[in-house]
C-alpha atoms as a PDB file:
ATOM      1  CA  MET A   1    -144.025-133.360 130.740  1.00  0.00           C
ATOM      2  CA  ASN A   2    -144.234-129.579 131.234  1.00  0.00           C
ATOM      3  CA  LYS A   3    -144.007-127.767 127.958  1.00  0.00           C
ATOM      4  CA  ARG A   4    -142.902-124.195 127.910  1.00  0.00           C
ATOM      5  CA  VAL A   5    -145.437-121.706 126.634  1.00  0.00           C
ATOM      6  CA  ILE A   6    -144.059-118.968 124.252  1.00  0.00           C
ATOM      7  CA  GLU A   7    -145.328-115.576 125.311  1.00  0.00           C
ATOM      8  CA  CYS A   8    -146.101-113.356 122.253  1.00  0.00           C
ATOM      9  CA  ALA A   9    -146.722-109.710 121.737  1.00  0.00           C
ATOM     10  CA  VAL A  10    -148.502-108.226 118.719  1.00  0.00           C
ATOM     11  CA  ILE A  11    -147.091-104.876 117.508  1.00  0.00           C
ATOM     12  CA  GLY A  12    -149.816-102.949 115.803  1.00  0.00           C
ATOM     13  CA  TYR A  13    -153.517-103.267 116.709  1.00  0.00           C
ATOM     14  CA  GLY A  14    -154.952-100.895 114.177  1.00  0.00           C
ATOM     15  CA  PRO A  15    -158.482-101.061 112.955  1.00  0.00           C
ATOM     16  CA  ALA A  16    -157.589-101.844 109.253  1.00  0.00           C
ATOM     17  CA  PHE A  17    -159.019-105.316 108.582  1.00  0.00           C
ATOM     18  CA  ASN A  18    -158.718-106.203 112.333  1.00  0.00           C
ATOM     19  CA  MET A  19    -155.413-107.805 111.664  1.00  0.00           C
ATOM     20  CA  GLY A  20    -154.064-107.253 115.186  1.00  0.00           C
ATOM     21  CA  ASN A  21    -157.092-108.972 116.747  1.00  0.00           C
ATOM     22  CA  TYR A  22    -156.886-111.672 114.011  1.00  0.00           C
ATOM     23  CA  HIS A  23    -153.259-112.425 114.907  1.00  0.00           C
ATOM     24  CA  MET A  24    -153.933-112.380 118.599  1.00  0.00           C
ATOM     25  CA  ASN A  25    -156.620-115.010 118.142  1.00  0.00           C
ATOM     26  CA  LEU A  26    -154.387-117.136 115.865  1.00  0.00           C
ATOM     27  CA  ILE A  27    -151.625-117.003 118.565  1.00  0.00           C
ATOM     28  CA  ASN A  28    -154.043-118.069 121.297  1.00  0.00           C
ATOM     29  CA  ALA A  29    -155.426-120.886 119.163  1.00  0.00           C
ATOM     30  CA  THR A  30    -152.014-122.275 118.554  1.00  0.00           C
ATOM     31  CA  PRO A  31    -150.831-124.787 121.096  1.00  0.00           C
ATOM     32  CA  GLY A  32    -147.693-123.609 122.950  1.00  0.00           C
ATOM     33  CA  LEU A  33    -148.353-119.922 122.201  1.00  0.00           C
ATOM     34  CA  LYS A  34    -150.049-117.390 124.358  1.00  0.00           C
ATOM     35  CA  ALA A  35    -150.791-113.707 123.381  1.00  0.00           C
ATOM     36  CA  VAL A  36    -149.785-111.625 126.427  1.00  0.00           C
ATOM     37  CA  ALA A  37    -149.256-108.096 125.059  1.00  0.00           C
ATOM     38  CA  VAL A  38    -150.078-105.536 122.533  1.00  0.00           C
ATOM     39  CA  CYS A  39    -148.179-102.543 121.302  1.00  0.00           C
ATOM     40  CA  ASP A  40    -149.813 -99.592 119.538  1.00  0.00           C
ATOM     41  CA  THR A  41    -149.142 -95.802 119.470  1.00  0.00           C
ATOM     42  CA  ASP A  42    -152.894 -95.093 119.496  1.00  0.00           C
ATOM     43  CA  PRO A  43    -154.379 -95.229 123.099  1.00  0.00           C
ATOM     44  CA  SER A  44    -157.883 -95.946 121.685  1.00  0.00           C
ATOM     45  CA  ARG A  45    -156.390 -99.123 119.996  1.00  0.00           C
ATOM     46  CA  LEU A  46    -154.744-100.165 123.205  1.00  0.00           C
ATOM     47  CA  ASN A  47    -158.114 -99.880 124.964  1.00  0.00           C
ATOM     48  CA  ALA A  48    -159.727-102.010 122.247  1.00  0.00           C
ATOM     49  CA  ALA A  49    -157.025-104.587 122.691  1.00  0.00           C
ATOM     50  CA  LYS A  50    -157.620-104.637 126.498  1.00  0.00           C
ATOM     51  CA  ASN A  51    -161.370-105.015 125.939  1.00  0.00           C
ATOM     52  CA  ASP A  52    -160.910-107.911 123.449  1.00  0.00           C
ATOM     53  CA  PHE A  53    -158.231-109.658 125.532  1.00  0.00           C
ATOM     54  CA  PRO A  54    -158.610-108.870 129.232  1.00  0.00           C
ATOM     55  CA  GLY A  55    -155.409-109.255 131.273  1.00  0.00           C
ATOM     56  CA  ILE A  56    -152.960-108.571 128.530  1.00  0.00           C
ATOM     57  CA  ASP A  57    -150.181-105.923 128.941  1.00  0.00           C
ATOM     58  CA  THR A  58    -150.162-102.980 126.634  1.00  0.00           C
ATOM     59  CA  TYR A  59    -147.443-100.718 125.520  1.00  0.00           C
ATOM     60  CA  ASN A  60    -147.387 -97.449 123.486  1.00  0.00           C
ATOM     61  CA  SER A  61    -143.980 -97.790 121.902  1.00  0.00           C
ATOM     62  CA  VAL A  62    -141.943-100.711 120.513  1.00  0.00           C
ATOM     63  CA  ASP A  63    -138.986 -99.532 122.760  1.00  0.00           C
ATOM     64  CA  GLU A  64    -141.082 -99.823 125.838  1.00  0.00           C
ATOM     65  CA  LEU A  65    -142.275-103.223 124.782  1.00  0.00           C
ATOM     66  CA  LEU A  66    -138.772-104.487 124.301  1.00  0.00           C
ATOM     67  CA  ASP A  67    -137.513-102.899 127.484  1.00  0.00           C
ATOM     68  CA  LYS A  68    -140.320-103.941 129.856  1.00  0.00           C
ATOM     69  CA  GLY A  69    -142.249-106.694 128.159  1.00  0.00           C
ATOM     70  CA  ASN A  70    -141.429-110.213 129.292  1.00  0.00           C
ATOM     71  CA  ILE A  71    -142.143-111.688 125.809  1.00  0.00           C
ATOM     72  CA  ASP A  72    -140.483-114.343 123.681  1.00  0.00           C
ATOM     73  CA  LEU A  73    -141.887-113.590 120.255  1.00  0.00           C
ATOM     74  CA  THR A  74    -143.118-110.382 118.638  1.00  0.00           C
ATOM     75  CA  VAL A  75    -145.622-110.411 115.701  1.00  0.00           C
ATOM     76  CA  VAL A  76    -145.318-107.248 113.572  1.00  0.00           C
ATOM     77  CA  VAL A  77    -148.801-106.221 112.248  1.00  0.00           C
ATOM     78  CA  THR A  78    -148.153-102.666 111.208  1.00  0.00           C
ATOM     79  CA  PRO A  79    -148.215-100.802 107.925  1.00  0.00           C
ATOM     80  CA  HIS A  80    -145.801-102.273 105.362  1.00  0.00           C
ATOM     81  CA  ASN A  81    -143.356 -99.391 105.330  1.00  0.00           C
ATOM     82  CA  THR A  82    -142.811 -99.762 109.183  1.00  0.00           C
ATOM     83  CA  HIS A  83    -141.993-103.494 109.212  1.00  0.00           C
ATOM     84  CA  ALA A  84    -138.259-103.297 108.562  1.00  0.00           C
ATOM     85  CA  PRO A  85    -137.422-100.638 111.332  1.00  0.00           C
ATOM     86  CA  ILE A  86    -139.494-102.496 113.855  1.00  0.00           C
ATOM     87  CA  ALA A  87    -137.997-105.963 112.859  1.00  0.00           C
ATOM     88  CA  LEU A  88    -134.531-104.510 113.293  1.00  0.00           C
ATOM     89  CA  LYS A  89    -135.452-103.134 116.757  1.00  0.00           C
ATOM     90  CA  CYS A  90    -136.736-106.549 117.737  1.00  0.00           C
ATOM     91  CA  LEU A  91    -133.585-108.253 116.606  1.00  0.00           C
ATOM     92  CA  ARG A  92    -131.446-105.704 118.396  1.00  0.00           C
ATOM     93  CA  GLY A  93    -133.494-106.237 121.469  1.00  0.00           C
ATOM     94  CA  ARG A  94    -132.862-109.947 121.154  1.00  0.00           C
ATOM     95  CA  LYS A  95    -136.525-110.759 120.549  1.00  0.00           C
ATOM     96  CA  THR A  96    -137.649-113.279 117.959  1.00  0.00           C
ATOM     97  CA  TYR A  97    -140.021-111.729 115.556  1.00  0.00           C
ATOM     98  CA  CYS A  98    -142.538-112.839 112.957  1.00  0.00           C
ATOM     99  CA  CYS A  99    -143.289-110.643 109.981  1.00  0.00           C
ATOM    100  CA  ARG A 100    -145.543-111.697 107.191  1.00  0.00           C
ATOM    101  CA  LYS A 101    -143.384-110.027 104.580  1.00  0.00           C
ATOM    102  CA  ALA A 102    -139.990-111.583 103.518  1.00  0.00           C
ATOM    103  CA  HIS A 103    -138.961-108.309 102.031  1.00  0.00           C
ATOM    104  CA  VAL A 104    -140.614-104.977 102.677  1.00  0.00           C
ATOM    105  CA  PRO A 105    -139.856-101.378 101.582  1.00  0.00           C
ATOM    106  CA  TYR A 106    -137.385 -99.909 103.961  1.00  0.00           C
ATOM    107  CA  HIS A 107    -137.806 -96.352 105.045  1.00  0.00           C
ATOM    108  CA  GLY A 108    -134.326 -95.560 103.911  1.00  0.00           C
ATOM    109  CA  GLY A 109    -135.093 -96.750 100.345  1.00  0.00           C
ATOM    110  CA  GLY A 110    -134.751-100.030  98.657  1.00  0.00           C
ATOM    111  CA  TYR A 111    -135.846-103.251 100.389  1.00  0.00           C
ATOM    112  CA  PHE A 112    -135.066-104.959 103.669  1.00  0.00           C
ATOM    113  CA  TYR A 113    -134.525-108.779 103.230  1.00  0.00           C
ATOM    114  CA  ASP A 114    -134.580-110.878 106.325  1.00  0.00           C
ATOM    115  CA  ARG A 115    -131.466-113.218 106.063  1.00  0.00           C
ATOM    116  CA  SER A 116    -130.767-113.129 109.800  1.00  0.00           C
ATOM    117  CA  GLY A 117    -132.495-116.569 110.427  1.00  0.00           C
ATOM    118  CA  SER A 118    -134.408-115.071 113.351  1.00  0.00           C
ATOM    119  CA  GLY A 119    -137.637-114.005 111.528  1.00  0.00           C
END
């Protein structure tokens, strides 16, 4: 039986605590998942991701990732105050996303609660 592999992208590969790298490794260690892309606005972090995971695709914007990336799942690993706008972009781009925060401060004030059933 051929099982479909879920292709994943990590959004955010910053150096703080190596969380992007950590999540890429978790994805690759999970049967049925494969880390295929990283998105970050810092070119040096994209180079680090390419060195850590040869063969992955890299993107310097979430919009570019969602438009060009052939991915099934996005994992948001960015500063907390950016989670909600990125999660909303992923939902609007019809990508399933994973975000470690059930509610996060939203840049417009208040909190963003994920009740969509997609995250």
